[in-house]
Amino acid sequence: TPRPWGVLLAPHAKSVVAVPWSFWERTAERYASQGLLVATVVHGAEDPVARTLALEVPIAEMLGAVEHAGTFVGLRSGLCDVVHTARARKIHVFPDAYYSTTRYKVADFFALGGWESVVLQVS
């Protein structure tokens, strides 16, 4: 099994409220300071987090990319569903908000078993 080399950040989502970009910048800095390579999963014109490698990975290859990297930190989106079985450290990030018009918080409604969670205030 290859030794994990770093962290894949996935800060972009179409159907979830964004969390502060500063969270992604601080997260990238923290992992980089540990000597890990940090990459941002991007598609099309999406911006990578500052001082990270922009990495456009086809959906069919995401599971392998996450396992190879070793750690995945993503805003909760369909991409999290794609990589949910990866043998890696997985952290999903949620806005502290209610899901649509329900009485359920996004983090409660979309949590994935076996993942670490981060819930952040949004403005």
C-alpha atoms as a PDB file:
ATOM      1  CA  THR A   1       0.000   0.000   0.000  1.00  0.00           C
ATOM      2  CA  PRO A   2       1.478   3.404  -0.911  1.00  0.00           C
ATOM      3  CA  ARG A   3       2.315   5.775   1.932  1.00  0.00           C
ATOM      4  CA  PRO A   4      -0.224   8.646   2.168  1.00  0.00           C
ATOM      5  CA  TRP A   5       1.281  11.832   0.742  1.00  0.00           C
ATOM      6  CA  GLY A   6      -1.131  14.516   1.708  1.00  0.00           C
ATOM      7  CA  VAL A   7      -4.538  16.057   1.829  1.00  0.00           C
ATOM      8  CA  LEU A   8      -7.244  16.674  -0.752  1.00  0.00           C
ATOM      9  CA  LEU A   9      -9.418  19.688   0.015  1.00  0.00           C
ATOM     10  CA  ALA A  10     -12.824  19.913  -1.655  1.00  0.00           C
ATOM     11  CA  PRO A  11     -14.233  23.357  -0.776  1.00  0.00           C
ATOM     12  CA  HIS A  12     -16.674  23.661  -3.672  1.00  0.00           C
ATOM     13  CA  ALA A  13     -20.298  22.489  -3.746  1.00  0.00           C
ATOM     14  CA  LYS A  14     -23.351  23.420  -5.769  1.00  0.00           C
ATOM     15  CA  SER A  15     -26.106  22.745  -3.238  1.00  0.00           C
ATOM     16  CA  VAL A  16     -24.594  23.638   0.144  1.00  0.00           C
ATOM     17  CA  VAL A  17     -23.963  27.093   1.577  1.00  0.00           C
ATOM     18  CA  ALA A  18     -20.251  27.885   1.448  1.00  0.00           C
ATOM     19  CA  VAL A  19     -18.278  28.136   4.665  1.00  0.00           C
ATOM     20  CA  PRO A  20     -15.736  30.927   5.181  1.00  0.00           C
ATOM     21  CA  TRP A  21     -12.826  30.623   2.748  1.00  0.00           C
ATOM     22  CA  SER A  22     -10.483  31.407   5.641  1.00  0.00           C
ATOM     23  CA  PHE A  23     -11.286  27.944   7.047  1.00  0.00           C
ATOM     24  CA  TRP A  24      -9.851  26.329   3.914  1.00  0.00           C
ATOM     25  CA  GLU A  25      -6.774  28.581   3.974  1.00  0.00           C
ATOM     26  CA  ARG A  26      -6.062  27.781   7.639  1.00  0.00           C
ATOM     27  CA  THR A  27      -6.633  24.066   7.034  1.00  0.00           C
ATOM     28  CA  ALA A  28      -4.228  24.070   4.082  1.00  0.00           C
ATOM     29  CA  GLU A  29      -1.593  25.919   6.108  1.00  0.00           C
ATOM     30  CA  ARG A  30      -1.930  23.517   9.044  1.00  0.00           C
ATOM     31  CA  TYR A  31      -1.436  20.403   6.913  1.00  0.00           C
ATOM     32  CA  ALA A  32       1.380  21.988   4.880  1.00  0.00           C
ATOM     33  CA  SER A  33       3.179  22.895   8.113  1.00  0.00           C
ATOM     34  CA  GLN A  34       3.154  19.164   8.917  1.00  0.00           C
ATOM     35  CA  GLY A  35       5.077  18.521   5.695  1.00  0.00           C
ATOM     36  CA  LEU A  36       2.103  17.209   3.747  1.00  0.00           C
ATOM     37  CA  LEU A  37       1.296  18.130   0.155  1.00  0.00           C
ATOM     38  CA  VAL A  38      -2.077  19.864   0.013  1.00  0.00           C
ATOM     39  CA  ALA A  39      -4.207  19.899  -3.145  1.00  0.00           C
ATOM     40  CA  THR A  40      -7.583  21.428  -3.912  1.00  0.00           C
ATOM     41  CA  VAL A  41     -10.026  19.393  -5.986  1.00  0.00           C
ATOM     42  CA  VAL A  42     -11.298  21.766  -8.679  1.00  0.00           C
ATOM     43  CA  HIS A  43     -13.491  21.523 -11.735  1.00  0.00           C
ATOM     44  CA  GLY A  44     -13.552  24.011 -14.569  1.00  0.00           C
ATOM     45  CA  ALA A  45     -13.076  27.586 -13.366  1.00  0.00           C
ATOM     46  CA  GLU A  46     -13.178  26.802  -9.618  1.00  0.00           C
ATOM     47  CA  ASP A  47     -10.377  28.405  -7.623  1.00  0.00           C
ATOM     48  CA  PRO A  48      -7.943  26.358  -5.570  1.00  0.00           C
ATOM     49  CA  VAL A  49      -7.176  27.311  -1.994  1.00  0.00           C
ATOM     50  CA  ALA A  50      -4.109  29.582  -1.853  1.00  0.00           C
ATOM     51  CA  ARG A  51      -0.747  27.777  -1.890  1.00  0.00           C
ATOM     52  CA  THR A  52      -2.304  24.414  -2.802  1.00  0.00           C
ATOM     53  CA  LEU A  53      -2.001  22.374  -5.951  1.00  0.00           C
ATOM     54  CA  ALA A  54      -5.102  22.605  -8.165  1.00  0.00           C
ATOM     55  CA  LEU A  55      -6.105  19.046  -8.989  1.00  0.00           C
ATOM     56  CA  GLU A  56      -8.864  18.159 -11.453  1.00  0.00           C
ATOM     57  CA  VAL A  57      -9.687  14.501 -10.908  1.00  0.00           C
ATOM     58  CA  PRO A  58     -12.329  12.641 -12.923  1.00  0.00           C
ATOM     59  CA  ILE A  59     -15.146  11.363 -10.700  1.00  0.00           C
ATOM     60  CA  ALA A  60     -14.295   7.754 -11.600  1.00  0.00           C
ATOM     61  CA  GLU A  61     -10.791   8.262 -10.153  1.00  0.00           C
ATOM     62  CA  MET A  62     -11.712  10.165  -6.979  1.00  0.00           C
ATOM     63  CA  LEU A  63     -11.913   7.134  -4.689  1.00  0.00           C
ATOM     64  CA  GLY A  64      -8.387   6.079  -5.627  1.00  0.00           C
ATOM     65  CA  ALA A  65      -7.093   9.657  -5.359  1.00  0.00           C
ATOM     66  CA  VAL A  66      -8.457  10.000  -1.815  1.00  0.00           C
ATOM     67  CA  GLU A  67      -6.969   6.668  -0.741  1.00  0.00           C
ATOM     68  CA  HIS A  68      -3.637   7.596  -2.286  1.00  0.00           C
ATOM     69  CA  ALA A  69      -3.613  11.030  -0.602  1.00  0.00           C
ATOM     70  CA  GLY A  70      -4.608   9.653   2.796  1.00  0.00           C
ATOM     71  CA  THR A  71      -6.861  12.511   3.953  1.00  0.00           C
ATOM     72  CA  PHE A  72      -9.930  14.150   2.409  1.00  0.00           C
ATOM     73  CA  VAL A  73     -11.531  17.327   3.788  1.00  0.00           C
ATOM     74  CA  GLY A  74     -14.641  18.343   1.880  1.00  0.00           C
ATOM     75  CA  LEU A  75     -17.612  20.643   2.067  1.00  0.00           C
ATOM     76  CA  ARG A  76     -20.492  18.180   2.265  1.00  0.00           C
ATOM     77  CA  SER A  77     -21.559  17.489  -1.302  1.00  0.00           C
ATOM     78  CA  GLY A  78     -22.137  14.640  -3.685  1.00  0.00           C
ATOM     79  CA  LEU A  79     -18.368  14.254  -3.918  1.00  0.00           C
ATOM     80  CA  CYS A  80     -18.414  13.036  -0.312  1.00  0.00           C
ATOM     81  CA  ASP A  81     -20.882  10.338  -1.358  1.00  0.00           C
ATOM     82  CA  VAL A  82     -18.520   9.299  -4.168  1.00  0.00           C
ATOM     83  CA  VAL A  83     -15.568   8.821  -1.795  1.00  0.00           C
ATOM     84  CA  HIS A  84     -17.454   7.598   1.281  1.00  0.00           C
ATOM     85  CA  THR A  85     -15.942   4.097   1.108  1.00  0.00           C
ATOM     86  CA  ALA A  86     -12.337   5.309   0.715  1.00  0.00           C
ATOM     87  CA  ARG A  87      -9.842   3.846   3.139  1.00  0.00           C
ATOM     88  CA  ALA A  88      -8.574   7.218   4.318  1.00  0.00           C
ATOM     89  CA  ARG A  89      -9.203   9.883   6.931  1.00  0.00           C
ATOM     90  CA  LYS A  90     -12.401  11.652   5.838  1.00  0.00           C
ATOM     91  CA  ILE A  91     -13.698  14.929   7.242  1.00  0.00           C
ATOM     92  CA  HIS A  92     -16.897  16.561   6.040  1.00  0.00           C
ATOM     93  CA  VAL A  93     -17.479  20.254   6.593  1.00  0.00           C
ATOM     94  CA  PHE A  94     -20.933  21.691   7.150  1.00  0.00           C
ATOM     95  CA  PRO A  95     -22.373  25.186   7.410  1.00  0.00           C
ATOM     96  CA  ASP A  96     -24.212  25.747  10.689  1.00  0.00           C
ATOM     97  CA  ALA A  97     -27.545  26.139   8.937  1.00  0.00           C
ATOM     98  CA  TYR A  98     -30.902  24.471   8.523  1.00  0.00           C
ATOM     99  CA  TYR A  99     -31.524  22.247   5.525  1.00  0.00           C
ATOM    100  CA  SER A 100     -33.942  24.008   3.175  1.00  0.00           C
ATOM    101  CA  THR A 101     -37.226  24.648   4.982  1.00  0.00           C
ATOM    102  CA  THR A 102     -36.845  21.756   7.428  1.00  0.00           C
ATOM    103  CA  ARG A 103     -36.161  21.907  11.150  1.00  0.00           C
ATOM    104  CA  TYR A 104     -33.007  19.816  10.652  1.00  0.00           C
ATOM    105  CA  LYS A 105     -29.480  21.176  10.639  1.00  0.00           C
ATOM    106  CA  VAL A 106     -27.501  20.387   7.488  1.00  0.00           C
ATOM    107  CA  ALA A 107     -24.936  18.485   9.589  1.00  0.00           C
ATOM    108  CA  ASP A 108     -27.634  16.247  11.076  1.00  0.00           C
ATOM    109  CA  PHE A 109     -29.437  15.675   7.788  1.00  0.00           C
ATOM    110  CA  PHE A 110     -26.369  14.830   5.662  1.00  0.00           C
ATOM    111  CA  ALA A 111     -23.896  13.271   8.123  1.00  0.00           C
ATOM    112  CA  LEU A 112     -22.014  10.213   6.902  1.00  0.00           C
ATOM    113  CA  GLY A 113     -21.130   7.409   9.304  1.00  0.00           C
ATOM    114  CA  GLY A 114     -17.420   6.981   9.965  1.00  0.00           C
ATOM    115  CA  TRP A 115     -16.550  10.566   9.026  1.00  0.00           C
ATOM    116  CA  GLU A 116     -15.232  13.321  11.256  1.00  0.00           C
ATOM    117  CA  SER A 117     -17.374  16.473  11.155  1.00  0.00           C
ATOM    118  CA  VAL A 118     -16.633  20.172  11.286  1.00  0.00           C
ATOM    119  CA  VAL A 119     -19.558  22.597  11.593  1.00  0.00           C
ATOM    120  CA  LEU A 120     -18.839  26.263  10.887  1.00  0.00           C
ATOM    121  CA  GLN A 121     -20.750  29.493  11.313  1.00  0.00           C
ATOM    122  CA  VAL A 122     -21.757  31.156   8.066  1.00  0.00           C
ATOM    123  CA  SER A 123     -22.830  34.750   7.528  1.00  0.00           C
END
